[in-house]
Amino acid sequence: MEKLSERTIAERLEKFERWQYKDGAIEADFTFKDFREAFSVMTHVAFECEAHNHHPDWTNVYNSLKIRLNTHDAGGVTEKDFQLAHSIQNIIL
C-alpha cells in the first residue's frame, strides 16, 4: 500500500462523517448509550477488522470509543485505512 498525500486524505475525508486527519492517522470518536452498546459495536468492528486484515488503534472508556487508523508498514494513511473506515462507518452509523 502506498501512503496517501495530505491533500488526498483531506479530499477523501470530505465523504466521511466524524473522521479527521490528526498526527499521521485518520481518527473518529463515537459515543454510545452505555458500555454494553459500545462493547457490542467494538466486537462487530473487530470481526470486520479481521476480514480486512487491518487493525485499528482504539480506546474505550465506558460508552465512548476512539478509533485511529493508519498503515504502519506504509508510514501513514493508505487506501486500506479508508476502506476500513468506510466499513466501520457502515457498522456504527
C-alpha atoms as a PDB file:
ATOM      1  CA  MET A   1       0.000   0.000   0.000  1.00  0.00           C
ATOM      2  CA  GLU A   2       1.169   3.474  -0.880  1.00  0.00           C
ATOM      3  CA  LYS A   3       0.963   6.315   1.638  1.00  0.00           C
ATOM      4  CA  LEU A   4      -1.559   8.970   0.567  1.00  0.00           C
ATOM      5  CA  SER A   5      -0.720  12.678   0.406  1.00  0.00           C
ATOM      6  CA  GLU A   6      -2.253  15.024   2.963  1.00  0.00           C
ATOM      7  CA  ARG A   7      -4.244  16.669   0.153  1.00  0.00           C
ATOM      8  CA  THR A   8      -5.690  13.314  -0.950  1.00  0.00           C
ATOM      9  CA  ILE A   9      -6.512  12.453   2.657  1.00  0.00           C
ATOM     10  CA  ALA A  10      -8.319  15.784   3.140  1.00  0.00           C
ATOM     11  CA  GLU A  11     -10.312  15.249  -0.069  1.00  0.00           C
ATOM     12  CA  ARG A  12     -11.285  11.710   0.928  1.00  0.00           C
ATOM     13  CA  LEU A  13     -12.314  12.782   4.438  1.00  0.00           C
ATOM     14  CA  GLU A  14     -14.985  15.079   2.992  1.00  0.00           C
ATOM     15  CA  LYS A  15     -17.076  11.927   2.439  1.00  0.00           C
ATOM     16  CA  PHE A  16     -16.605  10.587   5.967  1.00  0.00           C
ATOM     17  CA  GLU A  17     -18.692  11.697   8.926  1.00  0.00           C
ATOM     18  CA  ARG A  18     -16.788  12.250  12.183  1.00  0.00           C
ATOM     19  CA  TRP A  19     -13.381  11.296  10.775  1.00  0.00           C
ATOM     20  CA  GLN A  20     -10.439  13.697  10.791  1.00  0.00           C
ATOM     21  CA  TYR A  21      -6.750  13.575   9.979  1.00  0.00           C
ATOM     22  CA  LYS A  22      -4.508  14.013  13.008  1.00  0.00           C
ATOM     23  CA  ASP A  23      -0.897  13.089  13.740  1.00  0.00           C
ATOM     24  CA  GLY A  24      -0.456  10.769  10.750  1.00  0.00           C
ATOM     25  CA  ALA A  25      -3.741   8.863  11.112  1.00  0.00           C
ATOM     26  CA  ILE A  26      -7.439   9.221  10.463  1.00  0.00           C
ATOM     27  CA  GLU A  27      -9.496   9.079  13.623  1.00  0.00           C
ATOM     28  CA  ALA A  28     -13.053   9.285  14.869  1.00  0.00           C
ATOM     29  CA  ASP A  29     -14.811   9.453  18.224  1.00  0.00           C
ATOM     30  CA  PHE A  30     -18.124   7.722  18.849  1.00  0.00           C
ATOM     31  CA  THR A  31     -20.459   7.794  21.842  1.00  0.00           C
ATOM     32  CA  PHE A  32     -22.987   5.097  22.663  1.00  0.00           C
ATOM     33  CA  LYS A  33     -25.876   4.647  25.095  1.00  0.00           C
ATOM     34  CA  ASP A  34     -23.776   2.645  27.556  1.00  0.00           C
ATOM     35  CA  PHE A  35     -20.777   0.322  27.898  1.00  0.00           C
ATOM     36  CA  ARG A  36     -22.697  -2.705  26.634  1.00  0.00           C
ATOM     37  CA  GLU A  37     -23.550  -0.969  23.366  1.00  0.00           C
ATOM     38  CA  ALA A  38     -20.001   0.340  22.939  1.00  0.00           C
ATOM     39  CA  PHE A  39     -18.522  -3.098  23.550  1.00  0.00           C
ATOM     40  CA  SER A  40     -21.028  -4.737  21.210  1.00  0.00           C
ATOM     41  CA  VAL A  41     -20.031  -2.354  18.417  1.00  0.00           C
ATOM     42  CA  MET A  42     -16.350  -2.950  19.175  1.00  0.00           C
ATOM     43  CA  THR A  43     -16.907  -6.690  18.792  1.00  0.00           C
ATOM     44  CA  HIS A  44     -18.638  -6.190  15.449  1.00  0.00           C
ATOM     45  CA  VAL A  45     -15.858  -3.855  14.292  1.00  0.00           C
ATOM     46  CA  ALA A  46     -13.216  -6.374  15.447  1.00  0.00           C
ATOM     47  CA  PHE A  47     -14.644  -9.034  13.132  1.00  0.00           C
ATOM     48  CA  GLU A  48     -14.657  -6.545  10.264  1.00  0.00           C
ATOM     49  CA  CYS A  49     -11.020  -5.646  11.002  1.00  0.00           C
ATOM     50  CA  GLU A  50     -10.091  -9.322  10.840  1.00  0.00           C
ATOM     51  CA  ALA A  51     -11.857  -9.611   7.482  1.00  0.00           C
ATOM     52  CA  HIS A  52      -9.781  -6.670   6.211  1.00  0.00           C
ATOM     53  CA  ASN A  53      -6.629  -7.983   7.896  1.00  0.00           C
ATOM     54  CA  HIS A  54      -6.152  -4.459   9.203  1.00  0.00           C
ATOM     55  CA  HIS A  55      -6.380  -3.467  12.849  1.00  0.00           C
ATOM     56  CA  PRO A  56      -7.045  -0.078  14.452  1.00  0.00           C
ATOM     57  CA  ASP A  57      -5.556   1.627  17.432  1.00  0.00           C
ATOM     58  CA  TRP A  58      -8.559   2.215  19.640  1.00  0.00           C
ATOM     59  CA  THR A  59      -9.537   3.159  23.142  1.00  0.00           C
ATOM     60  CA  ASN A  60     -12.762   2.611  25.006  1.00  0.00           C
ATOM     61  CA  VAL A  61     -13.906   4.314  28.185  1.00  0.00           C
ATOM     62  CA  TYR A  62     -17.404   3.373  29.326  1.00  0.00           C
ATOM     63  CA  ASN A  63     -19.647   4.490  26.424  1.00  0.00           C
ATOM     64  CA  SER A  64     -17.032   6.179  24.238  1.00  0.00           C
ATOM     65  CA  LEU A  65     -14.863   4.716  21.512  1.00  0.00           C
ATOM     66  CA  LYS A  66     -11.952   6.395  19.741  1.00  0.00           C
ATOM     67  CA  ILE A  67     -10.612   4.721  16.596  1.00  0.00           C
ATOM     68  CA  ARG A  68      -7.342   5.638  14.826  1.00  0.00           C
ATOM     69  CA  LEU A  69      -6.319   4.147  11.507  1.00  0.00           C
ATOM     70  CA  ASN A  70      -3.030   4.229   9.669  1.00  0.00           C
ATOM     71  CA  THR A  71      -0.932   1.668   7.859  1.00  0.00           C
ATOM     72  CA  HIS A  72       2.224   1.176   9.892  1.00  0.00           C
ATOM     73  CA  ASP A  73       4.083  -0.558   7.037  1.00  0.00           C
ATOM     74  CA  ALA A  74       3.491   2.465   4.773  1.00  0.00           C
ATOM     75  CA  GLY A  75       4.222   5.045   7.466  1.00  0.00           C
ATOM     76  CA  GLY A  76       0.880   6.810   7.146  1.00  0.00           C
ATOM     77  CA  VAL A  77      -2.645   6.693   5.812  1.00  0.00           C
ATOM     78  CA  THR A  78      -3.364   4.471   2.812  1.00  0.00           C
ATOM     79  CA  GLU A  79      -6.374   3.348   0.809  1.00  0.00           C
ATOM     80  CA  LYS A  80      -6.601   0.377   3.176  1.00  0.00           C
ATOM     81  CA  ASP A  81      -7.388   2.762   6.045  1.00  0.00           C
ATOM     82  CA  PHE A  82     -10.200   4.412   4.114  1.00  0.00           C
ATOM     83  CA  GLN A  83     -11.655   1.036   3.164  1.00  0.00           C
ATOM     84  CA  LEU A  84     -11.763   0.015   6.816  1.00  0.00           C
ATOM     85  CA  ALA A  85     -13.101   3.435   7.909  1.00  0.00           C
ATOM     86  CA  HIS A  86     -15.921   3.020   5.400  1.00  0.00           C
ATOM     87  CA  SER A  87     -16.784  -0.400   6.801  1.00  0.00           C
ATOM     88  CA  ILE A  88     -16.641   0.906  10.378  1.00  0.00           C
ATOM     89  CA  GLN A  89     -18.870   3.815   9.473  1.00  0.00           C
ATOM     90  CA  ASN A  90     -21.412   1.402   7.947  1.00  0.00           C
ATOM     91  CA  ILE A  91     -21.452  -0.574  11.205  1.00  0.00           C
ATOM     92  CA  ILE A  92     -21.728   2.391  13.552  1.00  0.00           C
ATOM     93  CA  LEU A  93     -23.801   4.940  11.664  1.00  0.00           C
END
